[in-house]
N, C-alpha and C. Protein backbone atom coordinates (compact mmCIF):
# COMPACT_ATOMS: atom_id res chain seq x y z
N MET A 1 119.50 53.44 138.80
CA MET A 1 119.10 55.08 139.16
C MET A 1 119.93 55.42 140.03
N LYS A 2 120.16 54.90 141.37
CA LYS A 2 121.02 55.19 142.47
C LYS A 2 122.37 55.72 142.00
N THR A 3 122.94 54.69 140.83
CA THR A 3 124.16 55.00 140.28
C THR A 3 124.46 56.62 139.26
N TYR A 4 123.48 56.93 138.75
CA TYR A 4 123.54 57.77 138.27
C TYR A 4 123.02 58.99 138.69
N PHE A 5 122.27 59.29 139.69
CA PHE A 5 122.03 60.01 140.62
C PHE A 5 123.17 60.43 141.59
N ASN A 6 124.22 59.55 142.07
CA ASN A 6 125.64 59.87 142.55
C ASN A 6 126.26 60.40 141.69
N PHE A 7 126.46 60.17 140.62
CA PHE A 7 127.21 60.66 139.20
C PHE A 7 126.63 62.07 139.15
N GLN A 8 125.83 62.51 138.97
CA GLN A 8 125.04 63.70 138.90
C GLN A 8 126.07 64.45 140.22
N TRP A 9 125.27 64.43 141.21
CA TRP A 9 125.90 64.67 142.19
C TRP A 9 127.94 65.28 142.72
N THR A 10 128.34 64.17 142.07
CA THR A 10 129.93 64.22 142.03
C THR A 10 130.26 65.24 141.02
N PHE A 11 129.43 65.32 139.89
CA PHE A 11 129.69 65.53 138.86
C PHE A 11 128.96 67.29 139.18
N LEU A 12 128.38 67.48 139.81
CA LEU A 12 128.37 69.24 140.38
C LEU A 12 129.06 69.60 141.23
N ILE A 13 129.42 69.01 142.16
CA ILE A 13 130.35 69.60 143.42
C ILE A 13 132.03 69.69 142.39
N ILE A 14 132.23 68.97 141.64
CA ILE A 14 133.34 68.98 140.89
C ILE A 14 133.46 70.28 140.39
N LEU A 15 132.35 70.32 139.52
CA LEU A 15 132.02 71.64 138.80
C LEU A 15 132.20 73.07 139.71
N THR A 16 131.41 72.87 140.89
CA THR A 16 131.52 73.90 141.88
C THR A 16 133.09 74.02 142.13
N LEU A 17 133.38 73.25 142.56
CA LEU A 17 134.97 73.47 143.08
C LEU A 17 136.11 74.14 141.67
N PHE A 18 135.80 73.79 140.63
CA PHE A 18 136.59 74.01 139.46
C PHE A 18 136.28 76.00 139.12
N SER A 19 134.92 76.09 139.38
CA SER A 19 134.19 77.51 139.32
C SER A 19 134.90 78.23 140.50
N CYS A 20 135.24 77.45 142.20
CA CYS A 20 135.02 78.36 143.18
C CYS A 20 136.89 78.91 142.75
N ILE A 21 137.41 77.67 142.40
CA ILE A 21 139.06 78.05 141.92
C ILE A 21 139.15 79.09 140.81
N LYS A 22 138.37 78.75 139.79
CA LYS A 22 138.73 80.18 138.65
C LYS A 22 138.19 81.52 139.37
N ASN A 23 137.30 81.39 140.48
CA ASN A 23 136.83 82.79 141.10
C ASN A 23 137.80 83.45 141.94
N ASP A 24 138.69 82.63 142.51
CA ASP A 24 139.61 82.52 143.40
C ASP A 24 140.52 83.41 142.47
N LYS A 25 141.21 83.09 141.58
CA LYS A 25 142.36 83.26 140.36
C LYS A 25 142.12 84.86 140.49
N ASP A 26 140.69 84.68 139.52
CA ASP A 26 140.32 86.13 139.41
C ASP A 26 140.37 87.36 140.23
N LYS A 27 139.96 86.53 141.47
CA LYS A 27 139.80 87.78 142.57
C LYS A 27 141.27 88.25 143.15
N ILE A 28 142.23 87.42 142.92
CA ILE A 28 143.85 87.49 143.01
C ILE A 28 144.03 88.66 141.75
N ILE A 29 143.93 88.21 140.77
CA ILE A 29 144.24 89.00 139.83
C ILE A 29 143.86 90.43 139.97
N GLU A 30 142.70 90.68 140.22
CA GLU A 30 141.80 91.82 140.66
C GLU A 30 142.67 92.83 140.99
N LEU A 31 142.76 92.22 142.57
CA LEU A 31 143.56 92.78 143.63
C LEU A 31 144.70 92.95 143.31
N LEU A 32 145.44 92.06 142.73
CA LEU A 32 147.03 92.55 142.47
C LEU A 32 147.02 93.81 141.23
N ASN A 33 146.24 93.71 140.22
CA ASN A 33 145.97 95.20 139.60
C ASN A 33 144.91 96.39 139.99
N SER A 34 145.01 96.21 140.84
CA SER A 34 144.42 97.21 141.88
C SER A 34 145.32 98.68 141.64
N ASP A 35 144.47 99.94 141.83
CA ASP A 35 145.37 100.84 142.41
C ASP A 35 145.64 101.30 143.75
N ASP A 36 144.44 100.69 144.29
CA ASP A 36 144.61 100.76 145.96
C ASP A 36 145.48 99.65 146.76
N LYS A 37 146.36 100.41 147.62
CA LYS A 37 147.37 99.57 148.23
C LYS A 37 147.01 98.76 148.93
N THR A 38 146.20 98.34 149.71
CA THR A 38 145.49 97.56 150.65
C THR A 38 144.81 96.71 150.01
N LYS A 39 144.11 96.62 148.80
CA LYS A 39 144.01 95.43 147.92
C LYS A 39 145.14 94.96 147.12
N ILE A 40 145.91 95.66 146.99
CA ILE A 40 147.31 94.71 145.80
C ILE A 40 147.70 93.93 147.48
N MET A 41 147.91 94.53 148.62
CA MET A 41 148.57 93.77 149.92
C MET A 41 147.67 92.35 150.20
N LYS A 42 146.64 92.75 150.10
CA LYS A 42 145.87 91.35 149.99
C LYS A 42 145.87 90.74 149.45
N GLY A 43 145.91 90.98 148.13
CA GLY A 43 146.35 89.67 147.11
C GLY A 43 147.68 89.21 146.85
N CYS A 44 148.80 89.92 147.49
CA CYS A 44 149.98 89.42 147.96
C CYS A 44 150.13 88.43 149.38
N SER A 45 149.09 88.70 150.08
CA SER A 45 149.09 87.94 150.75
C SER A 45 148.77 86.36 151.04
N GLN A 46 147.65 86.49 149.79
CA GLN A 46 147.25 84.80 149.37
C GLN A 46 148.00 84.40 148.55
N LEU A 47 149.19 85.02 148.41
CA LEU A 47 150.41 84.18 147.51
C LEU A 47 151.43 83.09 148.54
N LYS A 48 151.22 81.95 148.51
CA LYS A 48 151.80 81.56 149.28
C LYS A 48 152.99 80.07 148.87
N SER A 49 152.72 79.39 148.20
CA SER A 49 153.67 78.67 147.23
C SER A 49 153.92 78.72 146.11
N GLU A 50 154.28 77.55 145.37
CA GLU A 50 155.30 77.67 144.12
C GLU A 50 153.99 77.50 142.63
N LYS A 51 152.81 77.04 143.38
CA LYS A 51 151.65 76.86 142.70
C LYS A 51 151.07 78.24 142.30
N ASP A 52 151.48 79.25 143.04
CA ASP A 52 150.70 80.75 142.57
C ASP A 52 152.00 81.07 141.60
N THR A 53 152.80 80.28 140.83
CA THR A 53 153.67 81.49 140.13
C THR A 53 152.93 82.10 138.66
N ILE A 54 151.76 81.53 138.32
CA ILE A 54 150.29 82.43 137.75
C ILE A 54 150.65 83.63 137.85
N PHE A 55 150.77 84.30 139.14
CA PHE A 55 150.21 85.79 139.36
C PHE A 55 152.15 86.43 139.15
N ILE A 56 152.91 85.78 139.37
CA ILE A 56 154.47 86.40 138.98
C ILE A 56 154.87 87.72 138.40
N LYS A 57 153.54 87.24 136.92
CA LYS A 57 153.88 88.78 135.99
C LYS A 57 153.16 89.69 136.97
N TYR A 58 152.00 89.87 137.98
CA TYR A 58 151.52 90.64 138.36
C TYR A 58 151.83 91.31 139.36
N LEU A 59 152.62 90.64 139.83
CA LEU A 59 154.10 91.04 140.77
C LEU A 59 155.22 92.14 140.90
N PHE A 60 155.02 92.04 139.41
CA PHE A 60 156.49 92.85 138.81
C PHE A 60 155.99 94.27 138.28
N LYS A 61 154.56 93.95 138.41
CA LYS A 61 153.82 95.47 137.47
C LYS A 61 153.76 96.20 139.02
N ASP A 62 154.30 97.60 138.34
CA ASP A 62 154.79 98.41 139.32
C ASP A 62 155.61 98.28 140.56
N ILE A 63 156.67 97.33 140.40
CA ILE A 63 156.95 96.78 141.47
C ILE A 63 157.57 98.03 142.79
N THR A 64 158.15 99.39 142.05
CA THR A 64 158.76 100.05 142.19
C THR A 64 158.01 101.11 143.69
N ASP A 65 156.66 100.45 143.53
CA ASP A 65 155.44 101.35 144.50
C ASP A 65 155.63 101.22 146.35
N GLU A 66 156.56 102.44 146.45
CA GLU A 66 156.95 102.80 147.66
C GLU A 66 155.71 102.89 148.70
N ARG A 67 154.26 102.98 148.50
CA ARG A 67 153.27 103.40 149.06
C ARG A 67 152.96 102.40 150.61
N ILE A 68 152.95 103.37 151.57
CA ILE A 68 153.07 102.66 153.02
C ILE A 68 151.57 102.36 153.24
N SER A 69 150.82 101.24 153.89
CA SER A 69 149.54 100.92 154.35
C SER A 69 149.71 101.58 155.79
N HIS A 70 148.16 102.22 155.70
CA HIS A 70 147.95 103.08 157.30
C HIS A 70 146.99 101.73 157.28
N ASP A 71 146.29 100.77 156.58
CA ASP A 71 145.44 99.51 157.15
C ASP A 71 145.93 98.92 158.25
N ALA A 72 144.94 98.76 159.20
CA ALA A 72 145.31 97.85 160.19
C ALA A 72 146.16 96.39 159.96
N GLU A 73 145.56 95.99 158.87
CA GLU A 73 145.97 94.48 158.87
C GLU A 73 147.29 94.62 157.94
N PHE A 74 147.67 95.67 157.54
CA PHE A 74 148.91 95.39 156.44
C PHE A 74 149.78 97.23 156.95
N TYR A 75 149.67 97.83 158.45
CA TYR A 75 150.17 99.11 158.50
C TYR A 75 151.43 99.25 158.54
N GLY A 76 152.43 100.10 157.94
CA GLY A 76 153.47 100.25 158.08
C GLY A 76 154.39 99.37 156.82
N ILE A 77 153.98 98.26 156.20
CA ILE A 77 154.05 97.68 154.99
C ILE A 77 154.12 98.33 153.54
N SER A 78 155.08 98.77 152.90
CA SER A 78 154.73 99.23 151.35
C SER A 78 154.19 98.12 150.57
N VAL A 79 153.75 98.41 149.58
CA VAL A 79 153.54 98.00 148.24
C VAL A 79 154.39 96.75 147.81
N TYR A 80 155.91 97.84 147.49
CA TYR A 80 157.39 97.20 147.50
C TYR A 80 157.55 95.59 148.07
N GLN A 81 157.59 96.05 149.59
CA GLN A 81 157.57 95.00 150.34
C GLN A 81 156.59 93.71 150.44
N ALA A 82 155.43 93.90 150.16
CA ALA A 82 154.35 93.29 150.20
C ALA A 82 154.53 91.91 148.79
N LYS A 83 154.99 92.57 147.75
CA LYS A 83 155.55 91.78 146.21
C LYS A 83 156.86 90.71 146.55
N ILE A 84 157.51 91.74 147.41
CA ILE A 84 158.89 90.91 147.37
C ILE A 84 158.62 89.62 148.27
N GLY A 85 157.77 89.99 149.06
CA GLY A 85 157.68 89.21 150.56
C GLY A 85 156.80 87.86 149.87
N ALA A 86 155.90 88.05 148.57
CA ALA A 86 155.13 87.11 148.26
C ALA A 86 155.88 86.79 147.18
N LEU A 87 156.82 87.33 146.27
CA LEU A 87 158.11 86.48 145.68
C LEU A 87 158.74 85.42 146.42
N LYS A 88 159.10 85.81 147.32
CA LYS A 88 160.32 84.97 148.03
C LYS A 88 159.35 83.47 148.79
N ARG A 89 157.83 83.81 149.31
CA ARG A 89 157.41 82.50 149.50
C ARG A 89 156.89 81.93 148.13
N ILE A 90 156.93 82.45 147.03
CA ILE A 90 156.32 81.29 145.75
C ILE A 90 157.64 80.99 145.25
N SER A 91 158.96 81.53 145.74
CA SER A 91 160.44 80.78 145.14
C SER A 91 160.77 79.77 145.93
N GLY A 92 160.68 80.37 146.89
CA GLY A 92 161.40 79.69 148.32
C GLY A 92 162.89 80.20 148.82
N LEU A 93 163.10 81.19 148.05
CA LEU A 93 164.46 81.66 148.28
C LEU A 93 164.25 83.13 148.88
N PRO A 94 165.48 82.91 149.79
CA PRO A 94 165.53 84.42 150.71
C PRO A 94 166.10 85.34 149.44
N SER A 95 165.61 86.67 150.31
CA SER A 95 166.13 88.06 149.25
C SER A 95 167.45 87.85 149.58
N PRO A 96 168.38 88.34 148.50
CA PRO A 96 169.91 88.63 148.77
C PRO A 96 169.92 89.82 150.23
N ASN A 97 169.27 91.04 149.92
CA ASN A 97 168.99 92.18 151.01
C ASN A 97 167.59 91.98 152.09
N LYS A 98 167.89 92.56 153.13
CA LYS A 98 166.43 92.54 153.94
C LYS A 98 165.39 92.97 153.50
N ASN A 99 164.49 92.58 153.39
CA ASN A 99 162.92 93.09 152.74
C ASN A 99 162.92 94.19 153.63
N THR A 100 162.72 95.55 152.99
CA THR A 100 162.19 96.70 154.10
C THR A 100 161.40 97.12 153.19
N TYR A 101 161.02 98.44 153.34
CA TYR A 101 159.68 99.03 152.98
C TYR A 101 160.53 100.02 151.51
N GLU A 102 161.31 99.99 151.91
CA GLU A 102 162.14 100.87 150.71
C GLU A 102 162.58 99.76 149.41
N PHE A 103 162.26 99.99 148.16
CA PHE A 103 162.64 99.72 146.93
C PHE A 103 164.38 99.18 147.06
N ASP A 104 164.24 97.84 146.60
CA ASP A 104 165.68 97.58 146.55
C ASP A 104 165.90 96.70 145.14
N SER A 105 166.71 97.63 144.49
CA SER A 105 166.78 97.02 143.07
C SER A 105 167.75 95.70 143.02
N LEU A 106 168.38 95.23 143.96
CA LEU A 106 168.82 94.49 144.06
C LEU A 106 167.88 92.93 144.36
N ASN A 107 167.01 92.88 145.21
CA ASN A 107 165.86 91.97 145.46
C ASN A 107 165.10 91.74 144.29
N THR A 108 164.65 92.55 144.12
CA THR A 108 164.04 92.87 142.43
C THR A 108 164.84 92.32 141.19
N ALA A 109 166.19 92.27 140.71
CA ALA A 109 166.66 91.77 140.10
C ALA A 109 166.99 90.35 140.33
N PHE A 110 167.04 89.99 141.66
CA PHE A 110 167.40 88.62 141.69
C PHE A 110 165.90 87.85 141.60
N TYR A 111 164.68 88.53 142.08
CA TYR A 111 163.52 87.37 141.94
C TYR A 111 162.94 87.72 140.34
N LYS A 112 163.37 88.31 140.10
CA LYS A 112 163.09 88.88 138.26
C LYS A 112 164.15 87.84 137.07
N LYS A 113 165.33 87.80 137.93
CA LYS A 113 165.97 86.79 137.05
C LYS A 113 165.82 85.29 137.30
N TRP A 114 165.50 85.01 138.72
CA TRP A 114 164.42 83.63 139.31
C TRP A 114 163.14 83.33 138.05
N ALA A 115 162.39 84.27 137.60
CA ALA A 115 161.41 84.32 137.10
C ALA A 115 161.91 83.74 136.04
N ILE A 116 162.43 84.44 135.42
CA ILE A 116 163.00 84.52 133.90
C ILE A 116 163.69 82.65 133.86
N ASN A 117 164.76 82.82 134.71
CA ASN A 117 165.28 81.45 134.78
C ASN A 117 164.23 80.14 134.67
N LYS A 118 163.18 80.33 134.87
CA LYS A 118 162.03 79.60 135.59
C LYS A 118 161.37 79.49 134.70
N GLY A 119 161.07 80.53 133.64
CA GLY A 119 160.10 80.56 132.92
C GLY A 119 158.98 81.52 133.16
N TYR A 120 158.82 81.94 134.39
CA TYR A 120 157.68 82.24 134.55
C TYR A 120 157.06 83.79 134.24
N LEU A 121 158.50 84.09 133.43
CA LEU A 121 158.81 85.12 133.37
C LEU A 121 159.00 85.59 132.15
N LYS A 122 159.00 86.54 130.80
CA LYS A 122 159.76 86.80 129.96
C LYS A 122 160.79 88.07 130.15
N GLU A 123 161.54 87.99 129.37
CA GLU A 123 162.83 89.00 129.38
C GLU A 123 162.49 90.38 128.88
């Protein structure tokens, strides 16, 4: 009886963890697809490493967006800058040009080429 009880708890814990992971993924996608610049930046700030490659296509959506945040957490940062910063963290590669609030097509092309070569993005 004790083994059955342990199995139930283990199964319940694993199920809960997978549920939380899926909810986090859905929440990040919702943030990245938002029209609100602060929400987009919150989504970008949660992307930290190569395990987050599933979000790359969302980062390239409206990547030219130069709207600047006035929220205390992201004050002075543009949506473009947050997205390039997330791509830099995910890829582990420095951008060719300094990442500023202004759109830079070279940085965008650099990370787009990287994503296509790695198979994370279609041409």
